[in-house]
Amino acid sequence: SQVTAVTMKLAELQSQVLRLNALGDRLAEEA
């Protein structure tokens, strides 16, 4: 259960990083 929890957390972090990347790209383009 702990391994599953770590795996799910890493997947959530990866999704969050992708959102941040997209937001950063928009801000860089805007500036």
Full PDB file with SEQRES, HELIX, SHEET, SSBOND, CRYST1, ORIGX, SCALE, CONECT and MASTER records, all heavy atoms in Angstrom:
SEQRES   1 A   31  SER GLN VAL THR ALA VAL THR MET LYS LEU ALA GLU LEU          
SEQRES   2 A   31  GLN SER GLN VAL LEU ARG LEU ASN ALA LEU GLY ASP ARG          
SEQRES   3 A   31  LEU ALA GLU GLU ALA                                          
HELIX    1 AA1 GLN A    2  GLU A   30  1                                  29    
CRYST1    1.000    1.000    1.000  90.00  90.00  90.00 P 1           1          
ORIGX1      1.000000  0.000000  0.000000        0.00000                         
ORIGX2      0.000000  1.000000  0.000000        0.00000                         
ORIGX3      0.000000  0.000000  1.000000        0.00000                         
SCALE1      1.000000  0.000000  0.000000        0.00000                         
SCALE2      0.000000  1.000000  0.000000        0.00000                         
SCALE3      0.000000  0.000000  1.000000        0.00000                         
ATOM      1  N   SER A   1       0.829  -1.211   0.000  1.00  0.00           N  
ATOM      2  CA  SER A   1       0.000   0.000   0.000  1.00  0.00           C  
ATOM      3  C   SER A   1       0.859   1.255   0.000  1.00  0.00           C  
ATOM      4  O   SER A   1       0.535   2.263  -0.625  1.00  0.00           O  
ATOM      5  CB  SER A   1      -0.949   0.003   1.199  1.00  0.00           C  
ATOM      6  OG  SER A   1      -0.226   0.063   2.419  1.00  0.00           O  
ATOM      7  N   GLN A   2       2.008   1.212   0.710  1.00  0.00           N  
ATOM      8  CA  GLN A   2       2.905   2.361   0.736  1.00  0.00           C  
ATOM      9  C   GLN A   2       3.549   2.586  -0.630  1.00  0.00           C  
ATOM     10  O   GLN A   2       3.683   3.725  -1.085  1.00  0.00           O  
ATOM     11  CB  GLN A   2       3.981   2.149   1.804  1.00  0.00           C  
ATOM     12  CG  GLN A   2       3.472   2.281   3.223  1.00  0.00           C  
ATOM     13  CD  GLN A   2       4.562   2.030   4.249  1.00  0.00           C  
ATOM     14  OE1 GLN A   2       5.455   1.211   4.031  1.00  0.00           O  
ATOM     15  NE2 GLN A   2       4.490   2.731   5.375  1.00  0.00           N  
ATOM     16  N   VAL A   3       3.953   1.493  -1.293  1.00  0.00           N  
ATOM     17  CA  VAL A   3       4.533   1.605  -2.640  1.00  0.00           C  
ATOM     18  C   VAL A   3       3.512   2.182  -3.603  1.00  0.00           C  
ATOM     19  O   VAL A   3       3.823   3.054  -4.428  1.00  0.00           O  
ATOM     20  CB  VAL A   3       5.032   0.233  -3.130  1.00  0.00           C  
ATOM     21  CG1 VAL A   3       5.419   0.300  -4.605  1.00  0.00           C  
ATOM     22  CG2 VAL A   3       6.214  -0.235  -2.299  1.00  0.00           C  
ATOM     23  N   THR A   4       2.259   1.724  -3.495  1.00  0.00           N  
ATOM     24  CA  THR A   4       1.192   2.257  -4.354  1.00  0.00           C  
ATOM     25  C   THR A   4       0.991   3.746  -4.102  1.00  0.00           C  
ATOM     26  O   THR A   4       0.819   4.541  -5.039  1.00  0.00           O  
ATOM     27  CB  THR A   4      -0.124   1.500  -4.096  1.00  0.00           C  
ATOM     28  OG1 THR A   4       0.073   0.110  -4.364  1.00  0.00           O  
ATOM     29  CG2 THR A   4      -1.239   2.038  -4.984  1.00  0.00           C  
ATOM     30  N   ALA A   5       1.034   4.153  -2.817  1.00  0.00           N  
ATOM     31  CA  ALA A   5       0.852   5.565  -2.473  1.00  0.00           C  
ATOM     32  C   ALA A   5       1.967   6.416  -3.062  1.00  0.00           C  
ATOM     33  O   ALA A   5       1.727   7.506  -3.600  1.00  0.00           O  
ATOM     34  CB  ALA A   5       0.803   5.721  -0.952  1.00  0.00           C  
ATOM     35  N   VAL A   6       3.227   5.932  -2.977  1.00  0.00           N  
ATOM     36  CA  VAL A   6       4.355   6.668  -3.546  1.00  0.00           C  
ATOM     37  C   VAL A   6       4.199   6.792  -5.058  1.00  0.00           C  
ATOM     38  O   VAL A   6       4.427   7.865  -5.643  1.00  0.00           O  
ATOM     39  CB  VAL A   6       5.683   5.979  -3.197  1.00  0.00           C  
ATOM     40  CG1 VAL A   6       6.832   6.603  -3.988  1.00  0.00           C  
ATOM     41  CG2 VAL A   6       5.969   6.096  -1.708  1.00  0.00           C  
ATOM     42  N   THR A   7       3.799   5.697  -5.706  1.00  0.00           N  
ATOM     43  CA  THR A   7       3.618   5.711  -7.164  1.00  0.00           C  
ATOM     44  C   THR A   7       2.563   6.734  -7.574  1.00  0.00           C  
ATOM     45  O   THR A   7       2.744   7.502  -8.526  1.00  0.00           O  
ATOM     46  CB  THR A   7       3.208   4.320  -7.658  1.00  0.00           C  
ATOM     47  OG1 THR A   7       4.207   3.369  -7.261  1.00  0.00           O  
ATOM     48  CG2 THR A   7       3.067   4.297  -9.175  1.00  0.00           C  
ATOM     49  N   MET A   8       1.440   6.764  -6.841  1.00  0.00           N  
ATOM     50  CA  MET A   8       0.370   7.721  -7.156  1.00  0.00           C  
ATOM     51  C   MET A   8       0.828   9.153  -6.920  1.00  0.00           C  
ATOM     52  O   MET A   8       0.511  10.053  -7.704  1.00  0.00           O  
ATOM     53  CB  MET A   8      -0.862   7.409  -6.314  1.00  0.00           C  
ATOM     54  CG  MET A   8      -1.540   6.077  -6.660  1.00  0.00           C  
ATOM     55  SD  MET A   8      -2.942   5.710  -5.583  1.00  0.00           S  
ATOM     56  CE  MET A   8      -4.046   7.068  -5.999  1.00  0.00           C  
ATOM     57  N   LYS A   9       1.584   9.379  -5.844  1.00  0.00           N  
ATOM     58  CA  LYS A   9       2.079  10.723  -5.568  1.00  0.00           C  
ATOM     59  C   LYS A   9       3.019  11.204  -6.671  1.00  0.00           C  
ATOM     60  O   LYS A   9       2.970  12.355  -7.092  1.00  0.00           O  
ATOM     61  CB  LYS A   9       2.797  10.749  -4.221  1.00  0.00           C  
ATOM     62  CG  LYS A   9       1.878  10.792  -3.022  1.00  0.00           C  
ATOM     63  CD  LYS A   9       1.139  12.120  -2.951  1.00  0.00           C  
ATOM     64  CE  LYS A   9       0.298  12.218  -1.710  1.00  0.00           C  
ATOM     65  NZ  LYS A   9      -0.466  13.502  -1.672  1.00  0.00           N  
ATOM     66  N   LEU A  10       3.890  10.301  -7.150  1.00  0.00           N  
ATOM     67  CA  LEU A  10       4.804  10.680  -8.228  1.00  0.00           C  
ATOM     68  C   LEU A  10       4.039  11.023  -9.495  1.00  0.00           C  
ATOM     69  O   LEU A  10       4.400  11.949 -10.229  1.00  0.00           O  
ATOM     70  CB  LEU A  10       5.795   9.537  -8.491  1.00  0.00           C  
ATOM     71  CG  LEU A  10       6.888   9.339  -7.435  1.00  0.00           C  
ATOM     72  CD1 LEU A  10       7.718   8.100  -7.761  1.00  0.00           C  
ATOM     73  CD2 LEU A  10       7.792  10.560  -7.344  1.00  0.00           C  
ATOM     74  N   ALA A  11       2.965  10.278  -9.780  1.00  0.00           N  
ATOM     75  CA  ALA A  11       2.146  10.574 -10.953  1.00  0.00           C  
ATOM     76  C   ALA A  11       1.484  11.939 -10.824  1.00  0.00           C  
ATOM     77  O   ALA A  11       1.411  12.711 -11.782  1.00  0.00           O  
ATOM     78  CB  ALA A  11       1.090   9.485 -11.136  1.00  0.00           C  
ATOM     79  N   GLU A  12       0.996  12.277  -9.613  1.00  0.00           N  
ATOM     80  CA  GLU A  12       0.381  13.581  -9.386  1.00  0.00           C  
ATOM     81  C   GLU A  12       1.402  14.702  -9.561  1.00  0.00           C  
ATOM     82  O   GLU A  12       1.104  15.744 -10.154  1.00  0.00           O  
ATOM     83  CB  GLU A  12      -0.217  13.625  -7.974  1.00  0.00           C  
ATOM     84  CG  GLU A  12      -1.427  12.729  -7.792  1.00  0.00           C  
ATOM     85  CD  GLU A  12      -1.900  12.693  -6.343  1.00  0.00           C  
ATOM     86  OE1 GLU A  12      -1.327  13.435  -5.526  1.00  0.00           O  
ATOM     87  OE2 GLU A  12      -2.827  11.919  -6.053  1.00  0.00           O  
ATOM     88  N   LEU A  13       2.622  14.478  -9.041  1.00  0.00           N  
ATOM     89  CA  LEU A  13       3.672  15.486  -9.188  1.00  0.00           C  
ATOM     90  C   LEU A  13       4.042  15.681 -10.652  1.00  0.00           C  
ATOM     91  O   LEU A  13       4.302  16.799 -11.096  1.00  0.00           O  
ATOM     92  CB  LEU A  13       4.904  15.078  -8.385  1.00  0.00           C  
ATOM     93  CG  LEU A  13       4.807  15.223  -6.859  1.00  0.00           C  
ATOM     94  CD1 LEU A  13       6.057  14.673  -6.196  1.00  0.00           C  
ATOM     95  CD2 LEU A  13       4.594  16.673  -6.457  1.00  0.00           C  
ATOM     96  N   GLN A  14       4.068  14.586 -11.407  1.00  0.00           N  
ATOM     97  CA  GLN A  14       4.394  14.696 -12.833  1.00  0.00           C  
ATOM     98  C   GLN A  14       3.342  15.527 -13.556  1.00  0.00           C  
ATOM     99  O   GLN A  14       3.671  16.379 -14.390  1.00  0.00           O  
ATOM    100  CB  GLN A  14       4.484  13.303 -13.451  1.00  0.00           C  
ATOM    101  CG  GLN A  14       4.982  13.316 -14.896  1.00  0.00           C  
ATOM    102  CD  GLN A  14       5.202  11.924 -15.437  1.00  0.00           C  
ATOM    103  OE1 GLN A  14       4.622  10.959 -14.948  1.00  0.00           O  
ATOM    104  NE2 GLN A  14       6.030  11.809 -16.452  1.00  0.00           N  
ATOM    105  N   SER A  15       2.068  15.308 -13.232  1.00  0.00           N  
ATOM    106  CA  SER A  15       0.995  16.105 -13.844  1.00  0.00           C  
ATOM    107  C   SER A  15       1.126  17.570 -13.468  1.00  0.00           C  
ATOM    108  O   SER A  15       0.930  18.466 -14.295  1.00  0.00           O  
ATOM    109  CB  SER A  15      -0.372  15.572 -13.390  1.00  0.00           C  
ATOM    110  OG  SER A  15      -0.558  14.248 -13.801  1.00  0.00           O  
ATOM    111  N   GLN A  16       1.496  17.824 -12.208  1.00  0.00           N  
ATOM    112  CA  GLN A  16       1.643  19.207 -11.760  1.00  0.00           C  
ATOM    113  C   GLN A  16       2.817  19.887 -12.451  1.00  0.00           C  
ATOM    114  O   GLN A  16       2.744  21.066 -12.816  1.00  0.00           O  
ATOM    115  CB  GLN A  16       1.829  19.232 -10.248  1.00  0.00           C  
ATOM    116  CG  GLN A  16       1.564  20.604  -9.628  1.00  0.00           C  
ATOM    117  CD  GLN A  16       1.308  20.508  -8.138  1.00  0.00           C  
ATOM    118  OE1 GLN A  16       1.387  19.431  -7.557  1.00  0.00           O  
ATOM    119  NE2 GLN A  16       1.018  21.627  -7.517  1.00  0.00           N  
ATOM    120  N   VAL A  17       3.902  19.147 -12.654  1.00  0.00           N  
ATOM    121  CA  VAL A  17       5.050  19.692 -13.369  1.00  0.00           C  
ATOM    122  C   VAL A  17       4.674  20.040 -14.799  1.00  0.00           C  
ATOM    123  O   VAL A  17       5.064  21.081 -15.330  1.00  0.00           O  
ATOM    124  CB  VAL A  17       6.233  18.706 -13.339  1.00  0.00           C  
ATOM    125  CG1 VAL A  17       7.307  19.116 -14.335  1.00  0.00           C  
ATOM    126  CG2 VAL A  17       6.829  18.640 -11.946  1.00  0.00           C  
ATOM    127  N   LEU A  18       3.872  19.194 -15.440  1.00  0.00           N  
ATOM    128  CA  LEU A  18       3.440  19.472 -16.808  1.00  0.00           C  
ATOM    129  C   LEU A  18       2.603  20.751 -16.865  1.00  0.00           C  
ATOM    130  O   LEU A  18       2.743  21.558 -17.787  1.00  0.00           O  
ATOM    131  CB  LEU A  18       2.646  18.280 -17.357  1.00  0.00           C  
ATOM    132  CG  LEU A  18       3.445  17.003 -17.618  1.00  0.00           C  
ATOM    133  CD1 LEU A  18       2.521  15.853 -18.033  1.00  0.00           C  
ATOM    134  CD2 LEU A  18       4.494  17.234 -18.698  1.00  0.00           C  
ATOM    135  N   ARG A  19       1.728  20.932 -15.857  1.00  0.00           N  
ATOM    136  CA  ARG A  19       0.929  22.165 -15.814  1.00  0.00           C  
ATOM    137  C   ARG A  19       1.822  23.384 -15.623  1.00  0.00           C  
ATOM    138  O   ARG A  19       1.622  24.432 -16.247  1.00  0.00           O  
ATOM    139  CB  ARG A  19      -0.109  22.099 -14.689  1.00  0.00           C  
ATOM    140  CG  ARG A  19      -1.210  21.092 -14.906  1.00  0.00           C  
ATOM    141  CD  ARG A  19      -2.411  21.381 -14.007  1.00  0.00           C  
ATOM    142  NE  ARG A  19      -2.051  21.442 -12.608  1.00  0.00           N  
ATOM    143  CZ  ARG A  19      -2.035  20.381 -11.799  1.00  0.00           C  
ATOM    144  NH1 ARG A  19      -2.301  19.181 -12.274  1.00  0.00           N  
ATOM    145  NH2 ARG A  19      -1.741  20.531 -10.516  1.00  0.00           N  
ATOM    146  N   LEU A  20       2.803  23.264 -14.744  1.00  0.00           N  
ATOM    147  CA  LEU A  20       3.736  24.370 -14.511  1.00  0.00           C  
ATOM    148  C   LEU A  20       4.552  24.670 -15.760  1.00  0.00           C  
ATOM    149  O   LEU A  20       4.819  25.828 -16.075  1.00  0.00           O  
ATOM    150  CB  LEU A  20       4.658  24.037 -13.349  1.00  0.00           C  
ATOM    151  CG  LEU A  20       4.045  24.155 -11.946  1.00  0.00           C  
ATOM    152  CD1 LEU A  20       4.984  23.553 -10.909  1.00  0.00           C  
ATOM    153  CD2 LEU A  20       3.727  25.592 -11.609  1.00  0.00           C  
ATOM    154  N   ASN A  21       4.963  23.623 -16.471  1.00  0.00           N  
ATOM    155  CA  ASN A  21       5.707  23.836 -17.718  1.00  0.00           C  
ATOM    156  C   ASN A  21       4.876  24.620 -18.731  1.00  0.00           C  
ATOM    157  O   ASN A  21       5.349  25.546 -19.382  1.00  0.00           O  
ATOM    158  CB  ASN A  21       6.124  22.495 -18.322  1.00  0.00           C  
ATOM    159  CG  ASN A  21       7.311  21.879 -17.601  1.00  0.00           C  
ATOM    160  OD1 ASN A  21       8.021  22.566 -16.876  1.00  0.00           O  
ATOM    161  ND2 ASN A  21       7.521  20.593 -17.797  1.00  0.00           N  
ATOM    162  N   ALA A  22       3.609  24.206 -18.867  1.00  0.00           N  
ATOM    163  CA  ALA A  22       2.726  24.893 -19.815  1.00  0.00           C  
ATOM    164  C   ALA A  22       2.511  26.345 -19.408  1.00  0.00           C  
ATOM    165  O   ALA A  22       2.532  27.259 -20.242  1.00  0.00           O  
ATOM    166  CB  ALA A  22       1.387  24.159 -19.902  1.00  0.00           C  
ATOM    167  N   LEU A  23       2.315  26.572 -18.101  1.00  0.00           N  
ATOM    168  CA  LEU A  23       2.119  27.935 -17.607  1.00  0.00           C  
ATOM    169  C   LEU A  23       3.376  28.762 -17.808  1.00  0.00           C  
ATOM    170  O   LEU A  23       3.325  29.926 -18.212  1.00  0.00           O  
ATOM    171  CB  LEU A  23       1.734  27.892 -16.127  1.00  0.00           C  
ATOM    172  CG  LEU A  23       1.428  29.223 -15.440  1.00  0.00           C  
ATOM    173  CD1 LEU A  23       0.324  29.967 -16.178  1.00  0.00           C  
ATOM    174  CD2 LEU A  23       1.029  28.978 -13.985  1.00  0.00           C  
ATOM    175  N   GLY A  24       4.548  28.155 -17.545  1.00  0.00           N  
ATOM    176  CA  GLY A  24       5.807  28.862 -17.753  1.00  0.00           C  
ATOM    177  C   GLY A  24       6.022  29.226 -19.215  1.00  0.00           C  
ATOM    178  O   GLY A  24       6.501  30.318 -19.531  1.00  0.00           O  
ATOM    179  N   ASP A  25       5.662  28.314 -20.118  1.00  0.00           N  
ATOM    180  CA  ASP A  25       5.781  28.600 -21.549  1.00  0.00           C  
ATOM    181  C   ASP A  25       4.923  29.797 -21.939  1.00  0.00           C  
ATOM    182  O   ASP A  25       5.351  30.671 -22.702  1.00  0.00           O  
ATOM    183  CB  ASP A  25       5.359  27.374 -22.369  1.00  0.00           C  
ATOM    184  CG  ASP A  25       6.421  26.285 -22.360  1.00  0.00           C  
ATOM    185  OD1 ASP A  25       7.605  26.621 -22.158  1.00  0.00           O  
ATOM    186  OD2 ASP A  25       6.066  25.107 -22.552  1.00  0.00           O  
ATOM    187  N   ARG A  26       3.685  29.847 -21.408  1.00  0.00           N  
ATOM    188  CA  ARG A  26       2.795  30.962 -21.739  1.00  0.00           C  
ATOM    189  C   ARG A  26       3.347  32.278 -21.212  1.00  0.00           C  
ATOM    190  O   ARG A  26       3.304  33.307 -21.890  1.00  0.00           O  
ATOM    191  CB  ARG A  26       1.395  30.719 -21.161  1.00  0.00           C  
ATOM    192  CG  ARG A  26       0.636  29.593 -21.804  1.00  0.00           C  
ATOM    193  CD  ARG A  26      -0.863  29.727 -21.571  1.00  0.00           C  
ATOM    194  NE  ARG A  26      -1.204  29.765 -20.162  1.00  0.00           N  
ATOM    195  CZ  ARG A  26      -1.459  28.691 -19.418  1.00  0.00           C  
ATOM    196  NH1 ARG A  26      -1.375  27.492 -19.961  1.00  0.00           N  
ATOM    197  NH2 ARG A  26      -1.786  28.814 -18.149  1.00  0.00           N  
ATOM    198  N   LEU A  27       3.872  32.250 -19.981  1.00  0.00           N  
ATOM    199  CA  LEU A  27       4.422  33.472 -19.397  1.00  0.00           C  
ATOM    200  C   LEU A  27       5.657  33.939 -20.151  1.00  0.00           C  
ATOM    201  O   LEU A  27       5.841  35.137 -20.386  1.00  0.00           O  
ATOM    202  CB  LEU A  27       4.768  33.229 -17.927  1.00  0.00           C  
ATOM    203  CG  LEU A  27       3.572  33.135 -16.973  1.00  0.00           C  
ATOM    204  CD1 LEU A  27       4.017  32.644 -15.607  1.00  0.00           C  
ATOM    205  CD2 LEU A  27       2.851  34.465 -16.858  1.00  0.00           C  
ATOM    206  N   ALA A  28       6.527  32.999 -20.537  1.00  0.00           N  
ATOM    207  CA  ALA A  28       7.725  33.365 -21.290  1.00  0.00           C  
ATOM    208  C   ALA A  28       7.348  33.973 -22.636  1.00  0.00           C  
ATOM    209  O   ALA A  28       7.940  34.955 -23.083  1.00  0.00           O  
ATOM    210  CB  ALA A  28       8.613  32.139 -21.490  1.00  0.00           C  
ATOM    211  N   GLU A  29       6.337  33.384 -23.276  1.00  0.00           N  
ATOM    212  CA  GLU A  29       5.888  33.919 -24.572  1.00  0.00           C  
ATOM    213  C   GLU A  29       5.273  35.296 -24.394  1.00  0.00           C  
ATOM    214  O   GLU A  29       5.498  36.207 -25.190  1.00  0.00           O  
ATOM    215  CB  GLU A  29       4.867  32.956 -25.186  1.00  0.00           C  
ATOM    216  CG  GLU A  29       4.362  33.386 -26.550  1.00  0.00           C  
ATOM    217  CD  GLU A  29       3.361  32.409 -27.132  1.00  0.00           C  
ATOM    218  OE1 GLU A  29       3.088  31.380 -26.483  1.00  0.00           O  
ATOM    219  OE2 GLU A  29       2.842  32.674 -28.235  1.00  0.00           O  
ATOM    220  N   GLU A  30       4.478  35.455 -23.294  1.00  0.00           N  
ATOM    221  CA  GLU A  30       3.821  36.729 -23.029  1.00  0.00           C  
ATOM    222  C   GLU A  30       4.841  37.835 -22.796  1.00  0.00           C  
ATOM    223  O   GLU A  30       4.653  38.983 -23.190  1.00  0.00           O  
ATOM    224  CB  GLU A  30       2.916  36.586 -21.814  1.00  0.00           C  
ATOM    225  CG  GLU A  30       1.840  37.636 -21.693  1.00  0.00           C  
ATOM    226  CD  GLU A  30       0.785  37.501 -22.768  1.00  0.00           C  
ATOM    227  OE1 GLU A  30       0.308  36.388 -23.033  1.00  0.00           O  
ATOM    228  OE2 GLU A  30       0.461  38.543 -23.371  1.00  0.00           O  
ATOM    229  N   ALA A  31       5.971  37.472 -22.147  1.00  0.00           N  
ATOM    230  CA  ALA A  31       6.996  38.457 -21.825  1.00  0.00           C  
ATOM    231  C   ALA A  31       8.006  38.639 -22.947  1.00  0.00           C  
ATOM    232  O   ALA A  31       8.967  39.382 -22.794  1.00  0.00           O  
ATOM    233  CB  ALA A  31       7.722  38.037 -20.546  1.00  0.00           C  
TER     234      ALA A  31                                                      
MASTER        0    0    0    1    0    0    0    6  233    1    0    3          
END                                                                             
